[in-house]
Every structure is written in C-alpha cells, then in structure tokens.
Amino acid sequence: MIRAGSLNHLLSLQQRQTGRDPDTGAVINEAWIEVGKLWASIEPLSVRAFIAAAAAQSEISAHIVTYRDPRVKRGMRFVSDDGSIYSIAGVLPDKKSGREYQTHPVSEGVNDGK
C-alpha cells in the first residue's frame, strides 16, 4: 500500500505525436503532447541498484511510482515542473494486487522519442 502523501510530485505525462506531409508522406511536426498529469513519487536508485544497473549497461536512473493509470506506456515520458525529463522504460504493477499503483523504471534526460 502506498501512502497518498508520498506522491508529492505533479508530473506531466507526455507522448510523442507525429504527422505526415500529405504530398510527400514525410514525417513532420514531431512533438510531445501532454496526455495528462499524475501525482508521483520519484525514487532515485539505491547505490546497490545503481551499480547493478551500470554493470548491466542499463540507463535506468530512478523509479517513478504513480497510482495505476492505463494511459502510461513504455516510450512515453514524464516531465516535472522544473523541466526534468524522465523517459519511461516500463510499467510494473504493484506487488500485492496489481491494481492500486504502478512503478515506472525511468532514465533521466532528453528523450526525442527515438
């Protein structure tokens, strides 16, 4: 069970949107659009987890915990009020019921969606 007070960051959930030129079919207007806002807890990796991630050549730098929301998908991103960008590498259900909250392994930094 997660305590509501621990979800103390309001993050923008964003997905990449692309369009196509009607004449050439070329991809144009790539942009990130906001899907919604979610309250979250941002948990940096422990030293042990960080060392393990580095050994496995993983870019995961933190876990973000939110209430369960089916809109969140791998490849999307969270953006905080201070402009920090967290690329979502996965969506893991809570360990007890799988229905209350979810954990998102994230890498921090610019995500151009590729």
C-alpha atoms as a PDB file:
ATOM      1  CA  MET A   1       0.000   0.000   0.000  1.00  0.00           C
ATOM      2  CA  ILE A   2       1.279   3.419  -0.905  1.00  0.00           C
ATOM      3  CA  ARG A   3       0.708   6.487   1.227  1.00  0.00           C
ATOM      4  CA  ALA A   4      -1.005   9.332  -0.643  1.00  0.00           C
ATOM      5  CA  GLY A   5       1.400  11.855   0.925  1.00  0.00           C
ATOM      6  CA  SER A   6       4.368  10.171  -0.712  1.00  0.00           C
ATOM      7  CA  LEU A   7       3.009  11.060  -4.164  1.00  0.00           C
ATOM      8  CA  ASN A   8       4.218  14.638  -3.883  1.00  0.00           C
ATOM      9  CA  HIS A   9       5.307  15.485  -7.442  1.00  0.00           C
ATOM     10  CA  LEU A  10       2.776  16.517 -10.094  1.00  0.00           C
ATOM     11  CA  LEU A  11       4.214  15.259 -13.396  1.00  0.00           C
ATOM     12  CA  SER A  12       3.091  15.812 -16.966  1.00  0.00           C
ATOM     13  CA  LEU A  13       2.619  12.528 -18.842  1.00  0.00           C
ATOM     14  CA  GLN A  14       3.559  13.056 -22.488  1.00  0.00           C
ATOM     15  CA  GLN A  15       3.527  11.023 -25.681  1.00  0.00           C
ATOM     16  CA  ARG A  16       5.171  11.749 -28.988  1.00  0.00           C
ATOM     17  CA  GLN A  17       2.898  12.824 -31.798  1.00  0.00           C
ATOM     18  CA  THR A  18       3.851  12.875 -35.436  1.00  0.00           C
ATOM     19  CA  GLY A  19       2.122  13.982 -38.591  1.00  0.00           C
ATOM     20  CA  ARG A  20       2.702  13.317 -42.268  1.00  0.00           C
ATOM     21  CA  ASP A  21       3.070  15.686 -45.193  1.00  0.00           C
ATOM     22  CA  PRO A  22       0.032  14.956 -47.396  1.00  0.00           C
ATOM     23  CA  ASP A  23       2.053  15.414 -50.604  1.00  0.00           C
ATOM     24  CA  THR A  24       5.264  13.533 -49.813  1.00  0.00           C
ATOM     25  CA  GLY A  25       4.248  11.306 -46.918  1.00  0.00           C
ATOM     26  CA  ALA A  26       7.306  12.507 -44.999  1.00  0.00           C
ATOM     27  CA  VAL A  27       7.050  12.606 -41.211  1.00  0.00           C
ATOM     28  CA  ILE A  28       6.673  16.186 -39.992  1.00  0.00           C
ATOM     29  CA  ASN A  29       5.624  18.060 -36.887  1.00  0.00           C
ATOM     30  CA  GLU A  30       7.133  15.701 -34.345  1.00  0.00           C
ATOM     31  CA  ALA A  31       6.163  16.993 -30.928  1.00  0.00           C
ATOM     32  CA  TRP A  32       5.439  15.816 -27.415  1.00  0.00           C
ATOM     33  CA  ILE A  33       1.855  16.371 -26.279  1.00  0.00           C
ATOM     34  CA  GLU A  34       0.506  16.164 -22.755  1.00  0.00           C
ATOM     35  CA  VAL A  35      -1.786  13.213 -22.114  1.00  0.00           C
ATOM     36  CA  GLY A  36      -2.490  14.190 -18.507  1.00  0.00           C
ATOM     37  CA  LYS A  37      -0.993  14.964 -15.122  1.00  0.00           C
ATOM     38  CA  LEU A  38      -0.235  12.390 -12.450  1.00  0.00           C
ATOM     39  CA  TRP A  39       0.822  12.644  -8.833  1.00  0.00           C
ATOM     40  CA  ALA A  40       4.005  10.654  -8.351  1.00  0.00           C
ATOM     41  CA  SER A  41       6.871   9.704  -6.115  1.00  0.00           C
ATOM     42  CA  ILE A  42      10.341   9.920  -7.656  1.00  0.00           C
ATOM     43  CA  GLU A  43      12.724   7.407  -6.107  1.00  0.00           C
ATOM     44  CA  PRO A  44      16.389   7.527  -7.209  1.00  0.00           C
ATOM     45  CA  LEU A  45      18.073   4.134  -7.431  1.00  0.00           C
ATOM     46  CA  SER A  46      19.919   2.986  -4.346  1.00  0.00           C
ATOM     47  CA  VAL A  47      23.693   2.763  -4.644  1.00  0.00           C
ATOM     48  CA  ARG A  48      23.455  -1.034  -4.927  1.00  0.00           C
ATOM     49  CA  ALA A  49      20.767  -0.840  -7.652  1.00  0.00           C
ATOM     50  CA  PHE A  50      22.720   1.893  -9.458  1.00  0.00           C
ATOM     51  CA  ILE A  51      25.879  -0.249  -9.543  1.00  0.00           C
ATOM     52  CA  ALA A  52      23.867  -3.264 -10.753  1.00  0.00           C
ATOM     53  CA  ALA A  53      22.225  -1.145 -13.481  1.00  0.00           C
ATOM     54  CA  ALA A  54      25.612   0.181 -14.597  1.00  0.00           C
ATOM     55  CA  ALA A  55      27.021  -3.350 -14.724  1.00  0.00           C
ATOM     56  CA  ALA A  56      24.073  -4.419 -16.900  1.00  0.00           C
ATOM     57  CA  GLN A  57      24.564  -1.323 -19.077  1.00  0.00           C
ATOM     58  CA  SER A  58      21.092  -0.113 -18.136  1.00  0.00           C
ATOM     59  CA  GLU A  59      20.249   3.573 -18.332  1.00  0.00           C
ATOM     60  CA  ILE A  60      17.632   3.334 -15.565  1.00  0.00           C
ATOM     61  CA  SER A  61      18.351   6.049 -13.005  1.00  0.00           C
ATOM     62  CA  ALA A  62      15.159   6.132 -10.917  1.00  0.00           C
ATOM     63  CA  HIS A  63      11.726   4.662 -10.344  1.00  0.00           C
ATOM     64  CA  ILE A  64       8.593   6.768 -10.515  1.00  0.00           C
ATOM     65  CA  VAL A  65       5.554   5.468  -8.647  1.00  0.00           C
ATOM     66  CA  THR A  66       2.024   6.603  -9.595  1.00  0.00           C
ATOM     67  CA  TYR A  67      -1.471   5.398  -8.979  1.00  0.00           C
ATOM     68  CA  ARG A  68      -2.444   2.845 -11.623  1.00  0.00           C
ATOM     69  CA  ASP A  69      -3.235   4.557 -14.925  1.00  0.00           C
ATOM     70  CA  PRO A  70      -3.709   2.589 -18.161  1.00  0.00           C
ATOM     71  CA  ARG A  71      -2.618   5.599 -20.257  1.00  0.00           C
ATOM     72  CA  VAL A  72       1.012   5.188 -19.173  1.00  0.00           C
ATOM     73  CA  LYS A  73       3.020   3.177 -21.695  1.00  0.00           C
ATOM     74  CA  ARG A  74       6.654   2.402 -22.357  1.00  0.00           C
ATOM     75  CA  GLY A  75       8.193   5.024 -24.672  1.00  0.00           C
ATOM     76  CA  MET A  76       6.225   7.896 -23.159  1.00  0.00           C
ATOM     77  CA  ARG A  77       7.812  10.361 -20.761  1.00  0.00           C
ATOM     78  CA  PHE A  78       7.179  12.291 -17.568  1.00  0.00           C
ATOM     79  CA  VAL A  79       8.162  15.964 -17.308  1.00  0.00           C
ATOM     80  CA  SER A  80       8.409  17.700 -13.934  1.00  0.00           C
ATOM     81  CA  ASP A  81       7.688  21.346 -13.175  1.00  0.00           C
ATOM     82  CA  ASP A  82      11.428  22.076 -13.113  1.00  0.00           C
ATOM     83  CA  GLY A  83      11.802  20.694 -16.662  1.00  0.00           C
ATOM     84  CA  SER A  84      13.372  17.344 -15.742  1.00  0.00           C
ATOM     85  CA  ILE A  85      12.529  14.688 -18.321  1.00  0.00           C
ATOM     86  CA  TYR A  86      12.090  11.030 -17.382  1.00  0.00           C
ATOM     87  CA  SER A  87      11.825   8.508 -20.241  1.00  0.00           C
ATOM     88  CA  ILE A  88       9.552   5.609 -19.303  1.00  0.00           C
ATOM     89  CA  ALA A  89      11.230   2.226 -19.812  1.00  0.00           C
ATOM     90  CA  GLY A  90       8.375   0.113 -18.468  1.00  0.00           C
ATOM     91  CA  VAL A  91       5.214  -0.170 -16.402  1.00  0.00           C
ATOM     92  CA  LEU A  92       5.259  -2.569 -13.446  1.00  0.00           C
ATOM     93  CA  PRO A  93       2.090  -3.351 -11.419  1.00  0.00           C
ATOM     94  CA  ASP A  94       2.140  -3.146  -7.627  1.00  0.00           C
ATOM     95  CA  LYS A  95       3.413  -6.264  -5.886  1.00  0.00           C
ATOM     96  CA  LYS A  96       0.247  -7.020  -3.919  1.00  0.00           C
ATOM     97  CA  SER A  97      -2.848  -6.600  -6.078  1.00  0.00           C
ATOM     98  CA  GLY A  98      -1.511  -5.118  -9.307  1.00  0.00           C
ATOM     99  CA  ARG A  99      -4.390  -2.655  -9.187  1.00  0.00           C
ATOM    100  CA  GLU A 100      -3.526   0.202  -6.852  1.00  0.00           C
ATOM    101  CA  TYR A 101      -0.290   1.712  -8.135  1.00  0.00           C
ATOM    102  CA  GLN A 102       2.433   1.111 -10.690  1.00  0.00           C
ATOM    103  CA  THR A 103       6.170   1.600 -10.810  1.00  0.00           C
ATOM    104  CA  HIS A 104       7.936   3.043 -13.849  1.00  0.00           C
ATOM    105  CA  PRO A 105      11.673   2.446 -14.318  1.00  0.00           C
ATOM    106  CA  VAL A 106      12.917   5.657 -15.957  1.00  0.00           C
ATOM    107  CA  SER A 107      16.059   7.167 -17.394  1.00  0.00           C
ATOM    108  CA  GLU A 108      16.617  10.854 -16.901  1.00  0.00           C
ATOM    109  CA  GLY A 109      17.475  13.232 -19.703  1.00  0.00           C
ATOM    110  CA  VAL A 110      16.253  14.417 -23.063  1.00  0.00           C
ATOM    111  CA  ASN A 111      14.005  11.966 -24.895  1.00  0.00           C
ATOM    112  CA  ASP A 112      13.459  12.660 -28.564  1.00  0.00           C
ATOM    113  CA  GLY A 113      11.275   9.571 -28.870  1.00  0.00           C
ATOM    114  CA  LYS A 114      13.680   7.517 -30.913  1.00  0.00           C
END
